[in-house]
Amino acid sequence: MAEAAVRYLRSNRTAAPEPVEALPRPDLRCVADDERAPLDPGEFRRVLGTFATGVAVITAPPATADGPPAGFACQSFTSLSLAPPLVAFMVGRTSTTWPRIARAGVFCVNVLGAGQGELCRAFAVSGADKFAGVAYDAAPVSGSPRLTGAVAWIDCAIHAVHTGGDHLIVVGRVNALGTEDADGPLLFHRGRFARLAPP
């Protein structure tokens, strides 16, 4: 079949190839100040809040030898691809933590357990020492903080970053992962933490 394809291409070499125009590059930018949102932001949050999600903390090792590790609470995390193994999370373009994770080039997704609501709140605060009193060890490949008590961890390298409105879509290539014994995941639904009911 491959030989037939090569013969066909060789036989059509005399015909002048038709020019191919490149598709325009998509407009990758944040929403401008003068653009009106098509929906009420409060209604958008209310409706999308009916979609229950897990809760994760994205961590990264210090970008410099004497710097602190980085981390933030993240609700918008998802698996993306099996081959190659990819995951993704979304982070606001105004995040002060994201530039530190970007400089590190690696991160660890810590899927929080049902009893880690306070830990999630600590990592949702901006400007505080989020790792004060927090137990963790180093993820095996990236060295990113792997939080004690998380139900799962996914150790990644940054694979790609795309713009999505006022957020960035960060794609990570998974290098290692695992689960820990815990009493189920922490869930987030309609603005509140929740947990799975026992079977």
N, C-alpha and C. Protein backbone atom coordinates (compact mmCIF):
# COMPACT_ATOMS: atom_id res chain seq x y z
N MET A 1 0.83 -1.20 0.00
CA MET A 1 0.00 0.00 0.00
C MET A 1 0.86 1.25 0.00
N ALA A 2 1.93 1.24 0.82
CA ALA A 2 2.84 2.39 0.87
C ALA A 2 3.52 2.59 -0.48
N GLU A 3 3.94 1.47 -1.12
CA GLU A 3 4.59 1.56 -2.43
C GLU A 3 3.64 2.16 -3.47
N ALA A 4 2.37 1.78 -3.41
CA ALA A 4 1.38 2.33 -4.35
C ALA A 4 1.22 3.83 -4.14
N ALA A 5 1.24 4.25 -2.90
CA ALA A 5 1.12 5.68 -2.61
C ALA A 5 2.31 6.44 -3.15
N VAL A 6 3.52 5.88 -2.99
CA VAL A 6 4.72 6.54 -3.51
C VAL A 6 4.66 6.64 -5.03
N ARG A 7 4.23 5.54 -5.70
CA ARG A 7 4.11 5.57 -7.17
C ARG A 7 3.12 6.64 -7.61
N TYR A 8 2.00 6.75 -6.90
CA TYR A 8 0.99 7.75 -7.25
C TYR A 8 1.55 9.16 -7.12
N LEU A 9 2.26 9.41 -6.04
CA LEU A 9 2.83 10.75 -5.84
C LEU A 9 3.86 11.08 -6.90
N ARG A 10 4.69 10.09 -7.27
CA ARG A 10 5.70 10.32 -8.31
C ARG A 10 5.04 10.61 -9.66
N SER A 11 3.95 9.91 -9.98
CA SER A 11 3.28 10.10 -11.27
C SER A 11 2.62 11.46 -11.38
N ASN A 12 2.31 12.10 -10.26
CA ASN A 12 1.64 13.41 -10.28
C ASN A 12 2.61 14.56 -10.02
N ARG A 13 3.91 14.27 -10.13
CA ARG A 13 4.89 15.31 -9.85
C ARG A 13 4.87 16.42 -10.89
N THR A 14 4.44 16.10 -12.12
CA THR A 14 4.48 17.09 -13.19
C THR A 14 3.42 18.16 -13.00
N ALA A 15 2.32 17.82 -12.33
CA ALA A 15 1.26 18.81 -12.13
C ALA A 15 1.72 19.85 -11.12
N ALA A 16 1.46 21.12 -11.43
CA ALA A 16 1.85 22.20 -10.52
C ALA A 16 1.01 22.12 -9.25
N PRO A 17 1.67 22.10 -8.11
CA PRO A 17 0.89 22.02 -6.88
C PRO A 17 0.09 23.29 -6.65
N GLU A 18 -1.13 23.12 -6.17
CA GLU A 18 -1.95 24.27 -5.87
C GLU A 18 -1.47 24.92 -4.59
N PRO A 19 -1.43 26.25 -4.56
CA PRO A 19 -0.96 26.91 -3.34
C PRO A 19 -1.92 26.63 -2.18
N VAL A 20 -1.33 26.46 -1.02
CA VAL A 20 -2.11 26.21 0.18
C VAL A 20 -1.93 27.40 1.12
N GLU A 21 -3.04 28.00 1.46
CA GLU A 21 -2.97 29.15 2.37
C GLU A 21 -3.03 28.66 3.81
N ALA A 22 -2.16 29.22 4.64
CA ALA A 22 -2.15 28.86 6.06
C ALA A 22 -3.39 29.42 6.73
N LEU A 23 -3.93 28.64 7.64
CA LEU A 23 -5.07 29.12 8.41
C LEU A 23 -4.62 30.23 9.34
N PRO A 24 -5.48 31.21 9.61
CA PRO A 24 -5.07 32.28 10.51
C PRO A 24 -4.84 31.74 11.92
N ARG A 25 -3.87 32.29 12.60
CA ARG A 25 -3.58 31.89 13.97
C ARG A 25 -4.74 32.32 14.86
N PRO A 26 -5.22 31.45 15.76
CA PRO A 26 -6.33 31.85 16.64
C PRO A 26 -5.92 33.01 17.53
N ASP A 27 -6.88 33.84 17.85
CA ASP A 27 -6.63 35.01 18.67
C ASP A 27 -6.53 34.58 20.12
N LEU A 28 -5.30 34.42 20.63
CA LEU A 28 -5.08 33.97 22.00
C LEU A 28 -4.80 35.17 22.88
N ARG A 29 -5.80 35.61 23.58
CA ARG A 29 -5.63 36.78 24.43
C ARG A 29 -6.66 36.76 25.54
N CYS A 30 -6.44 37.60 26.52
CA CYS A 30 -7.40 37.75 27.61
C CYS A 30 -8.56 38.63 27.14
N VAL A 31 -9.70 38.54 27.79
CA VAL A 31 -10.84 39.38 27.46
C VAL A 31 -10.49 40.83 27.76
N ALA A 32 -10.68 41.70 26.79
CA ALA A 32 -10.34 43.11 26.96
C ALA A 32 -11.35 43.80 27.87
N ASP A 33 -10.91 44.92 28.45
CA ASP A 33 -11.77 45.65 29.40
C ASP A 33 -13.06 46.14 28.75
N ASP A 34 -13.02 46.44 27.45
CA ASP A 34 -14.20 47.00 26.80
C ASP A 34 -15.12 45.92 26.22
N GLU A 35 -14.82 44.65 26.46
CA GLU A 35 -15.68 43.58 25.97
C GLU A 35 -16.70 43.20 27.02
N ARG A 36 -17.95 43.20 26.64
CA ARG A 36 -19.02 42.87 27.58
C ARG A 36 -19.22 41.37 27.64
N ALA A 37 -19.27 40.83 28.84
CA ALA A 37 -19.53 39.41 29.00
C ALA A 37 -20.94 39.10 28.52
N PRO A 38 -21.14 38.03 27.73
CA PRO A 38 -22.47 37.74 27.21
C PRO A 38 -23.43 37.21 28.28
N LEU A 39 -22.91 36.82 29.42
CA LEU A 39 -23.73 36.26 30.49
C LEU A 39 -23.42 36.98 31.79
N ASP A 40 -24.39 36.96 32.69
CA ASP A 40 -24.16 37.51 34.02
C ASP A 40 -23.17 36.61 34.76
N PRO A 41 -22.06 37.15 35.26
CA PRO A 41 -21.06 36.30 35.93
C PRO A 41 -21.62 35.51 37.11
N GLY A 42 -22.52 36.13 37.88
CA GLY A 42 -23.11 35.43 39.02
C GLY A 42 -23.93 34.23 38.59
N GLU A 43 -24.70 34.40 37.51
CA GLU A 43 -25.50 33.29 37.00
C GLU A 43 -24.60 32.21 36.41
N PHE A 44 -23.53 32.63 35.75
CA PHE A 44 -22.58 31.67 35.20
C PHE A 44 -22.00 30.80 36.32
N ARG A 45 -21.57 31.43 37.42
CA ARG A 45 -21.01 30.67 38.54
C ARG A 45 -22.07 29.77 39.18
N ARG A 46 -23.30 30.27 39.31
CA ARG A 46 -24.35 29.48 39.95
C ARG A 46 -24.65 28.21 39.17
N VAL A 47 -24.81 28.35 37.86
CA VAL A 47 -25.14 27.19 37.04
C VAL A 47 -23.96 26.22 36.98
N LEU A 48 -22.75 26.72 36.75
CA LEU A 48 -21.59 25.83 36.66
C LEU A 48 -21.27 25.20 38.02
N GLY A 49 -21.72 25.83 39.10
CA GLY A 49 -21.50 25.28 40.44
C GLY A 49 -22.28 24.01 40.71
N THR A 50 -23.26 23.71 39.87
CA THR A 50 -24.01 22.46 40.04
C THR A 50 -23.19 21.25 39.59
N PHE A 51 -22.07 21.49 38.91
CA PHE A 51 -21.20 20.41 38.47
C PHE A 51 -20.20 20.12 39.59
N ALA A 52 -20.40 19.01 40.27
CA ALA A 52 -19.52 18.65 41.40
C ALA A 52 -18.15 18.25 40.88
N THR A 53 -17.11 18.72 41.56
CA THR A 53 -15.75 18.39 41.16
C THR A 53 -14.94 17.94 42.36
N GLY A 54 -13.81 17.33 42.09
CA GLY A 54 -12.83 17.10 43.13
C GLY A 54 -12.08 18.39 43.39
N VAL A 55 -11.20 18.36 44.38
CA VAL A 55 -10.39 19.54 44.72
C VAL A 55 -8.94 19.10 44.78
N ALA A 56 -8.06 19.90 44.21
CA ALA A 56 -6.64 19.57 44.19
C ALA A 56 -5.83 20.78 44.62
N VAL A 57 -4.62 20.53 45.06
CA VAL A 57 -3.63 21.58 45.28
C VAL A 57 -2.49 21.31 44.31
N ILE A 58 -2.19 22.30 43.49
CA ILE A 58 -1.08 22.21 42.54
C ILE A 58 0.15 22.78 43.23
N THR A 59 1.22 22.01 43.29
CA THR A 59 2.44 22.45 43.96
C THR A 59 3.62 22.38 42.99
N ALA A 60 4.64 23.15 43.30
CA ALA A 60 5.88 23.14 42.52
C ALA A 60 7.04 23.38 43.46
N PRO A 61 8.23 22.86 43.12
CA PRO A 61 9.40 23.10 43.96
C PRO A 61 9.85 24.54 43.86
N PRO A 62 10.72 24.98 44.76
CA PRO A 62 11.23 26.35 44.66
C PRO A 62 11.88 26.60 43.31
N ALA A 63 11.62 27.78 42.75
CA ALA A 63 12.23 28.13 41.45
C ALA A 63 13.70 28.50 41.62
N THR A 64 14.08 28.91 42.84
CA THR A 64 15.48 29.23 43.14
C THR A 64 15.90 28.41 44.35
N ALA A 65 17.20 28.31 44.56
CA ALA A 65 17.73 27.46 45.63
C ALA A 65 17.24 27.87 47.00
N ASP A 66 17.07 29.17 47.24
CA ASP A 66 16.66 29.63 48.57
C ASP A 66 15.20 30.07 48.62
N GLY A 67 14.43 29.81 47.57
CA GLY A 67 13.04 30.25 47.55
C GLY A 67 12.09 29.24 48.15
N PRO A 68 10.86 29.67 48.44
CA PRO A 68 9.85 28.74 48.98
C PRO A 68 9.19 27.95 47.86
N PRO A 69 8.59 26.80 48.18
CA PRO A 69 7.81 26.10 47.16
C PRO A 69 6.55 26.90 46.83
N ALA A 70 5.90 26.54 45.75
CA ALA A 70 4.70 27.24 45.31
C ALA A 70 3.52 26.30 45.36
N GLY A 71 2.32 26.86 45.55
CA GLY A 71 1.14 26.02 45.55
C GLY A 71 -0.13 26.84 45.57
N PHE A 72 -1.19 26.29 44.98
CA PHE A 72 -2.50 26.95 45.03
C PHE A 72 -3.60 25.91 44.92
N ALA A 73 -4.75 26.22 45.49
CA ALA A 73 -5.91 25.33 45.42
C ALA A 73 -6.53 25.43 44.04
N CYS A 74 -6.94 24.29 43.50
CA CYS A 74 -7.43 24.24 42.12
C CYS A 74 -8.63 23.30 42.03
N GLN A 75 -9.71 23.82 41.53
CA GLN A 75 -10.91 23.01 41.32
C GLN A 75 -10.97 22.51 39.88
N SER A 76 -10.33 23.26 38.97
CA SER A 76 -10.44 22.94 37.54
C SER A 76 -9.25 22.10 37.09
N PHE A 77 -9.27 20.83 37.47
CA PHE A 77 -8.24 19.87 37.08
C PHE A 77 -8.93 18.71 36.36
N THR A 78 -8.27 18.15 35.34
CA THR A 78 -8.87 17.04 34.62
C THR A 78 -7.81 16.18 33.96
N SER A 79 -8.14 14.91 33.73
CA SER A 79 -7.30 14.08 32.89
C SER A 79 -7.54 14.49 31.44
N LEU A 80 -6.55 14.30 30.59
CA LEU A 80 -6.65 14.78 29.22
C LEU A 80 -6.37 13.70 28.18
N SER A 81 -5.29 12.93 28.37
CA SER A 81 -4.88 11.98 27.34
C SER A 81 -4.22 10.78 28.01
N LEU A 82 -4.43 9.61 27.40
CA LEU A 82 -3.79 8.39 27.90
C LEU A 82 -2.46 8.13 27.19
N ALA A 83 -2.40 8.43 25.89
CA ALA A 83 -1.18 8.20 25.13
C ALA A 83 -0.89 9.43 24.27
N PRO A 84 0.01 10.32 24.70
CA PRO A 84 0.81 10.24 25.93
C PRO A 84 -0.02 10.59 27.15
N PRO A 85 0.46 10.25 28.35
CA PRO A 85 -0.30 10.56 29.56
C PRO A 85 -0.26 12.05 29.89
N LEU A 86 -1.40 12.71 29.70
CA LEU A 86 -1.48 14.15 29.92
C LEU A 86 -2.63 14.48 30.86
N VAL A 87 -2.43 15.51 31.67
CA VAL A 87 -3.48 16.08 32.50
C VAL A 87 -3.49 17.58 32.24
N ALA A 88 -4.52 18.26 32.76
CA ALA A 88 -4.60 19.70 32.56
C ALA A 88 -5.24 20.36 33.78
N PHE A 89 -4.82 21.60 34.03
CA PHE A 89 -5.51 22.41 35.02
C PHE A 89 -5.61 23.83 34.48
N MET A 90 -6.55 24.58 35.01
CA MET A 90 -6.75 25.96 34.61
C MET A 90 -6.38 26.88 35.76
N VAL A 91 -5.73 27.98 35.44
CA VAL A 91 -5.30 28.94 36.45
C VAL A 91 -5.56 30.35 35.92
N GLY A 92 -6.02 31.24 36.80
CA GLY A 92 -6.30 32.61 36.41
C GLY A 92 -5.05 33.33 35.93
N ARG A 93 -5.21 34.17 34.92
CA ARG A 93 -4.07 34.90 34.38
C ARG A 93 -3.49 35.89 35.38
N THR A 94 -4.27 36.26 36.40
CA THR A 94 -3.78 37.19 37.41
C THR A 94 -3.13 36.47 38.59
N SER A 95 -3.05 35.15 38.56
CA SER A 95 -2.47 34.39 39.67
C SER A 95 -1.02 34.81 39.91
N THR A 96 -0.68 35.04 41.17
CA THR A 96 0.70 35.36 41.52
C THR A 96 1.53 34.09 41.74
N THR A 97 0.86 32.95 41.90
CA THR A 97 1.57 31.69 42.09
C THR A 97 1.98 31.07 40.77
N TRP A 98 1.16 31.24 39.73
CA TRP A 98 1.45 30.59 38.45
C TRP A 98 2.83 30.92 37.91
N PRO A 99 3.30 32.18 37.91
CA PRO A 99 4.64 32.44 37.36
C PRO A 99 5.74 31.62 38.04
N ARG A 100 5.59 31.34 39.33
CA ARG A 100 6.59 30.54 40.03
C ARG A 100 6.54 29.08 39.58
N ILE A 101 5.33 28.57 39.33
CA ILE A 101 5.20 27.20 38.81
C ILE A 101 5.76 27.14 37.39
N ALA A 102 5.48 28.16 36.59
CA ALA A 102 5.98 28.19 35.22
C ALA A 102 7.50 28.20 35.20
N ARG A 103 8.11 28.97 36.09
CA ARG A 103 9.58 29.00 36.14
C ARG A 103 10.16 27.65 36.55
N ALA A 104 9.47 26.96 37.45
CA ALA A 104 9.94 25.63 37.88
C ALA A 104 9.84 24.63 36.74
N GLY A 105 8.82 24.76 35.89
CA GLY A 105 8.65 23.88 34.74
C GLY A 105 8.04 22.52 35.08
N VAL A 106 7.74 22.30 36.35
CA VAL A 106 7.18 21.03 36.80
C VAL A 106 6.13 21.32 37.87
N PHE A 107 5.29 20.33 38.16
CA PHE A 107 4.29 20.50 39.22
C PHE A 107 3.79 19.14 39.66
N CYS A 108 3.14 19.13 40.81
CA CYS A 108 2.49 17.93 41.32
C CYS A 108 1.04 18.27 41.64
N VAL A 109 0.13 17.46 41.16
CA VAL A 109 -1.29 17.60 41.49
C VAL A 109 -1.56 16.74 42.72
N ASN A 110 -2.03 17.36 43.80
CA ASN A 110 -2.37 16.66 45.03
C ASN A 110 -3.90 16.63 45.14
N VAL A 111 -4.51 15.47 44.92
CA VAL A 111 -5.97 15.34 45.02
C VAL A 111 -6.32 15.23 46.49
N LEU A 112 -7.06 16.20 47.00
CA LEU A 112 -7.30 16.29 48.44
C LEU A 112 -8.31 15.26 48.92
N GLY A 113 -8.10 14.82 50.16
CA GLY A 113 -9.01 13.89 50.80
C GLY A 113 -10.16 14.59 51.48
N ALA A 114 -11.17 13.82 51.88
CA ALA A 114 -12.42 14.37 52.42
C ALA A 114 -12.20 15.24 53.65
N GLY A 115 -11.16 14.98 54.43
CA GLY A 115 -10.92 15.76 55.64
C GLY A 115 -9.97 16.91 55.47
N GLN A 116 -9.67 17.31 54.23
CA GLN A 116 -8.66 18.34 54.00
C GLN A 116 -9.23 19.67 53.52
N GLY A 117 -10.45 19.97 53.96
CA GLY A 117 -11.07 21.24 53.58
C GLY A 117 -10.28 22.44 54.07
N GLU A 118 -9.79 22.39 55.30
CA GLU A 118 -9.02 23.52 55.85
C GLU A 118 -7.71 23.70 55.09
N LEU A 119 -7.09 22.60 54.71
CA LEU A 119 -5.87 22.68 53.92
C LEU A 119 -6.15 23.36 52.58
N CYS A 120 -7.27 23.03 51.97
CA CYS A 120 -7.66 23.67 50.72
C CYS A 120 -7.83 25.17 50.92
N ARG A 121 -8.50 25.56 51.99
CA ARG A 121 -8.70 26.99 52.26
C ARG A 121 -7.36 27.70 52.46
N ALA A 122 -6.41 27.04 53.11
CA ALA A 122 -5.10 27.65 53.33
C ALA A 122 -4.39 27.92 52.01
N PHE A 123 -4.54 27.01 51.06
CA PHE A 123 -3.87 27.19 49.77
C PHE A 123 -4.66 28.10 48.83
N ALA A 124 -5.87 28.48 49.21
CA ALA A 124 -6.66 29.40 48.40
C ALA A 124 -6.38 30.85 48.75
N VAL A 125 -5.65 31.09 49.86
CA VAL A 125 -5.35 32.45 50.30
C VAL A 125 -4.15 32.98 49.52
N SER A 126 -4.24 34.23 49.08
CA SER A 126 -3.15 34.83 48.33
C SER A 126 -2.18 35.54 49.27
N GLY A 127 -0.90 35.35 49.03
CA GLY A 127 0.12 36.10 49.75
C GLY A 127 0.57 35.50 51.07
N ALA A 128 -0.09 34.46 51.55
CA ALA A 128 0.29 33.87 52.84
C ALA A 128 1.36 32.81 52.63
N ASP A 129 2.00 32.39 53.75
CA ASP A 129 2.93 31.27 53.71
C ASP A 129 2.09 30.00 53.73
N LYS A 130 1.76 29.49 52.56
CA LYS A 130 0.81 28.39 52.44
C LYS A 130 1.35 27.08 52.98
N PHE A 131 2.65 26.94 53.07
CA PHE A 131 3.24 25.68 53.51
C PHE A 131 3.56 25.64 55.00
N ALA A 132 3.23 26.72 55.72
CA ALA A 132 3.51 26.75 57.16
C ALA A 132 2.72 25.66 57.87
N GLY A 133 3.43 24.76 58.53
CA GLY A 133 2.78 23.69 59.28
C GLY A 133 2.21 22.57 58.43
N VAL A 134 2.48 22.57 57.14
CA VAL A 134 1.93 21.56 56.23
C VAL A 134 2.96 20.45 56.04
N ALA A 135 2.53 19.21 56.26
CA ALA A 135 3.42 18.06 56.09
C ALA A 135 3.45 17.64 54.63
N TYR A 136 4.65 17.44 54.09
CA TYR A 136 4.79 16.97 52.72
C TYR A 136 6.17 16.36 52.52
N ASP A 137 6.28 15.57 51.45
CA ASP A 137 7.59 15.09 51.02
C ASP A 137 7.74 15.45 49.55
N ALA A 138 8.84 15.00 48.93
CA ALA A 138 9.11 15.37 47.54
C ALA A 138 8.56 14.32 46.58
N ALA A 139 7.85 14.76 45.57
CA ALA A 139 7.41 13.86 44.50
C ALA A 139 8.65 13.27 43.83
N PRO A 140 8.58 12.02 43.36
CA PRO A 140 9.80 11.30 42.97
C PRO A 140 10.55 11.85 41.77
N VAL A 141 9.86 12.47 40.82
CA VAL A 141 10.55 12.94 39.61
C VAL A 141 10.81 14.44 39.67
N SER A 142 9.79 15.23 39.96
CA SER A 142 9.94 16.69 39.92
C SER A 142 10.46 17.29 41.22
N GLY A 143 10.29 16.57 42.33
CA GLY A 143 10.64 17.14 43.62
C GLY A 143 9.61 18.12 44.14
N SER A 144 8.47 18.23 43.46
CA SER A 144 7.39 19.10 43.93
C SER A 144 6.82 18.58 45.24
N PRO A 145 6.30 19.47 46.10
CA PRO A 145 5.71 19.00 47.35
C PRO A 145 4.55 18.04 47.11
N ARG A 146 4.62 16.89 47.79
CA ARG A 146 3.55 15.89 47.75
C ARG A 146 2.92 15.91 49.13
N LEU A 147 1.70 16.43 49.20
CA LEU A 147 1.07 16.72 50.48
C LEU A 147 0.63 15.44 51.19
N THR A 148 0.96 15.36 52.47
CA THR A 148 0.55 14.22 53.29
C THR A 148 -0.97 14.21 53.43
N GLY A 149 -1.57 13.05 53.25
CA GLY A 149 -3.02 12.91 53.40
C GLY A 149 -3.80 13.04 52.12
N ALA A 150 -3.15 13.46 51.03
CA ALA A 150 -3.84 13.53 49.74
C ALA A 150 -4.20 12.12 49.28
N VAL A 151 -5.34 11.97 48.62
CA VAL A 151 -5.77 10.64 48.19
C VAL A 151 -5.02 10.18 46.95
N ALA A 152 -4.47 11.11 46.18
CA ALA A 152 -3.69 10.77 45.00
C ALA A 152 -2.73 11.90 44.69
N TRP A 153 -1.67 11.56 43.98
CA TRP A 153 -0.71 12.56 43.53
C TRP A 153 -0.29 12.23 42.11
N ILE A 154 -0.07 13.28 41.31
CA ILE A 154 0.32 13.13 39.91
C ILE A 154 1.49 14.07 39.67
N ASP A 155 2.65 13.51 39.38
CA ASP A 155 3.90 14.25 39.22
C ASP A 155 4.12 14.56 37.74
N CYS A 156 4.24 15.83 37.38
CA CYS A 156 4.19 16.24 35.98
C CYS A 156 5.28 17.23 35.60
N ALA A 157 5.54 17.30 34.30
CA ALA A 157 6.32 18.38 33.69
C ALA A 157 5.38 19.18 32.81
N ILE A 158 5.58 20.49 32.74
CA ILE A 158 4.72 21.32 31.91
C ILE A 158 4.94 20.95 30.44
N HIS A 159 3.86 20.60 29.76
CA HIS A 159 3.90 20.14 28.37
C HIS A 159 3.50 21.26 27.40
N ALA A 160 2.49 22.05 27.77
CA ALA A 160 2.01 23.14 26.93
C ALA A 160 1.15 24.06 27.77
N VAL A 161 1.04 25.31 27.32
CA VAL A 161 0.17 26.30 27.98
C VAL A 161 -0.62 27.01 26.90
N HIS A 162 -1.94 27.07 27.06
CA HIS A 162 -2.82 27.71 26.10
C HIS A 162 -3.63 28.80 26.81
N THR A 163 -4.03 29.81 26.06
CA THR A 163 -4.87 30.86 26.61
C THR A 163 -6.33 30.48 26.48
N GLY A 164 -7.10 30.69 27.56
CA GLY A 164 -8.54 30.44 27.54
C GLY A 164 -9.25 31.59 28.23
N GLY A 165 -9.48 32.69 27.52
CA GLY A 165 -10.15 33.85 28.12
C GLY A 165 -9.29 34.44 29.22
N ASP A 166 -9.88 34.54 30.43
CA ASP A 166 -9.12 35.13 31.54
C ASP A 166 -8.33 34.08 32.32
N HIS A 167 -8.23 32.87 31.78
CA HIS A 167 -7.46 31.80 32.40
C HIS A 167 -6.42 31.24 31.43
N LEU A 168 -5.49 30.49 31.98
CA LEU A 168 -4.54 29.72 31.19
C LEU A 168 -4.86 28.24 31.35
N ILE A 169 -4.72 27.50 30.28
CA ILE A 169 -4.92 26.05 30.30
C ILE A 169 -3.53 25.42 30.28
N VAL A 170 -3.16 24.82 31.39
CA VAL A 170 -1.82 24.25 31.54
C VAL A 170 -1.91 22.74 31.36
N VAL A 171 -1.17 22.23 30.39
CA VAL A 171 -1.14 20.80 30.11
C VAL A 171 0.16 20.23 30.68
N GLY A 172 0.03 19.15 31.46
CA GLY A 172 1.20 18.53 32.06
C GLY A 172 1.37 17.10 31.57
N ARG A 173 2.61 16.73 31.33
CA ARG A 173 2.92 15.33 30.98
C ARG A 173 3.23 14.57 32.26
N VAL A 174 2.53 13.48 32.49
CA VAL A 174 2.64 12.73 33.73
C VAL A 174 3.89 11.85 33.70
N ASN A 175 4.73 12.01 34.74
CA ASN A 175 5.95 11.21 34.86
C ASN A 175 5.86 10.15 35.96
N ALA A 176 4.99 10.37 36.93
CA ALA A 176 4.79 9.41 38.01
C ALA A 176 3.47 9.75 38.68
N LEU A 177 2.86 8.76 39.33
CA LEU A 177 1.60 9.00 40.02
C LEU A 177 1.33 7.87 41.00
N GLY A 178 0.41 8.11 41.92
CA GLY A 178 0.07 7.08 42.89
C GLY A 178 -1.11 7.50 43.74
N THR A 179 -1.60 6.56 44.54
CA THR A 179 -2.71 6.82 45.45
C THR A 179 -2.27 6.47 46.87
N GLU A 180 -2.99 7.03 47.83
CA GLU A 180 -2.72 6.77 49.24
C GLU A 180 -4.00 6.29 49.91
N ASP A 181 -3.87 5.59 51.02
CA ASP A 181 -5.04 5.18 51.78
C ASP A 181 -5.68 6.42 52.39
N ALA A 182 -6.95 6.62 52.10
CA ALA A 182 -7.68 7.79 52.63
C ALA A 182 -9.17 7.46 52.63
N ASP A 183 -9.94 8.35 53.26
CA ASP A 183 -11.37 8.09 53.38
C ASP A 183 -12.18 8.74 52.26
N GLY A 184 -11.65 8.77 51.07
CA GLY A 184 -12.38 9.32 49.93
C GLY A 184 -11.96 10.75 49.62
N PRO A 185 -12.35 11.25 48.45
CA PRO A 185 -11.92 12.57 48.01
C PRO A 185 -12.76 13.70 48.61
N LEU A 186 -12.16 14.88 48.64
CA LEU A 186 -12.89 16.10 48.97
C LEU A 186 -13.60 16.58 47.72
N LEU A 187 -14.88 16.89 47.82
CA LEU A 187 -15.66 17.36 46.69
C LEU A 187 -16.05 18.82 46.89
N PHE A 188 -16.36 19.48 45.77
CA PHE A 188 -16.82 20.87 45.82
C PHE A 188 -18.08 20.97 44.99
N HIS A 189 -19.17 21.49 45.61
CA HIS A 189 -20.46 21.54 44.94
C HIS A 189 -21.25 22.73 45.45
N ARG A 190 -21.69 23.60 44.53
CA ARG A 190 -22.49 24.78 44.86
C ARG A 190 -21.83 25.63 45.95
N GLY A 191 -20.52 25.83 45.79
CA GLY A 191 -19.80 26.72 46.68
C GLY A 191 -19.44 26.15 48.03
N ARG A 192 -19.67 24.82 48.22
CA ARG A 192 -19.35 24.22 49.51
C ARG A 192 -18.59 22.92 49.32
N PHE A 193 -17.83 22.56 50.34
CA PHE A 193 -17.16 21.27 50.34
C PHE A 193 -18.18 20.18 50.65
N ALA A 194 -17.95 19.01 50.08
CA ALA A 194 -18.84 17.87 50.32
C ALA A 194 -17.98 16.61 50.29
N ARG A 195 -18.59 15.50 50.64
CA ARG A 195 -17.89 14.21 50.57
C ARG A 195 -18.86 13.16 50.09
N LEU A 196 -18.30 12.08 49.57
CA LEU A 196 -19.13 10.97 49.11
C LEU A 196 -19.83 10.32 50.28
N ALA A 197 -21.09 9.94 50.08
CA ALA A 197 -21.80 9.20 51.12
C ALA A 197 -21.24 7.79 51.21
N PRO A 198 -21.15 7.22 52.40
CA PRO A 198 -20.65 5.84 52.49
C PRO A 198 -21.57 4.88 51.73
N PRO A 199 -20.99 3.83 51.13
CA PRO A 199 -21.81 2.90 50.34
C PRO A 199 -22.80 2.14 51.21
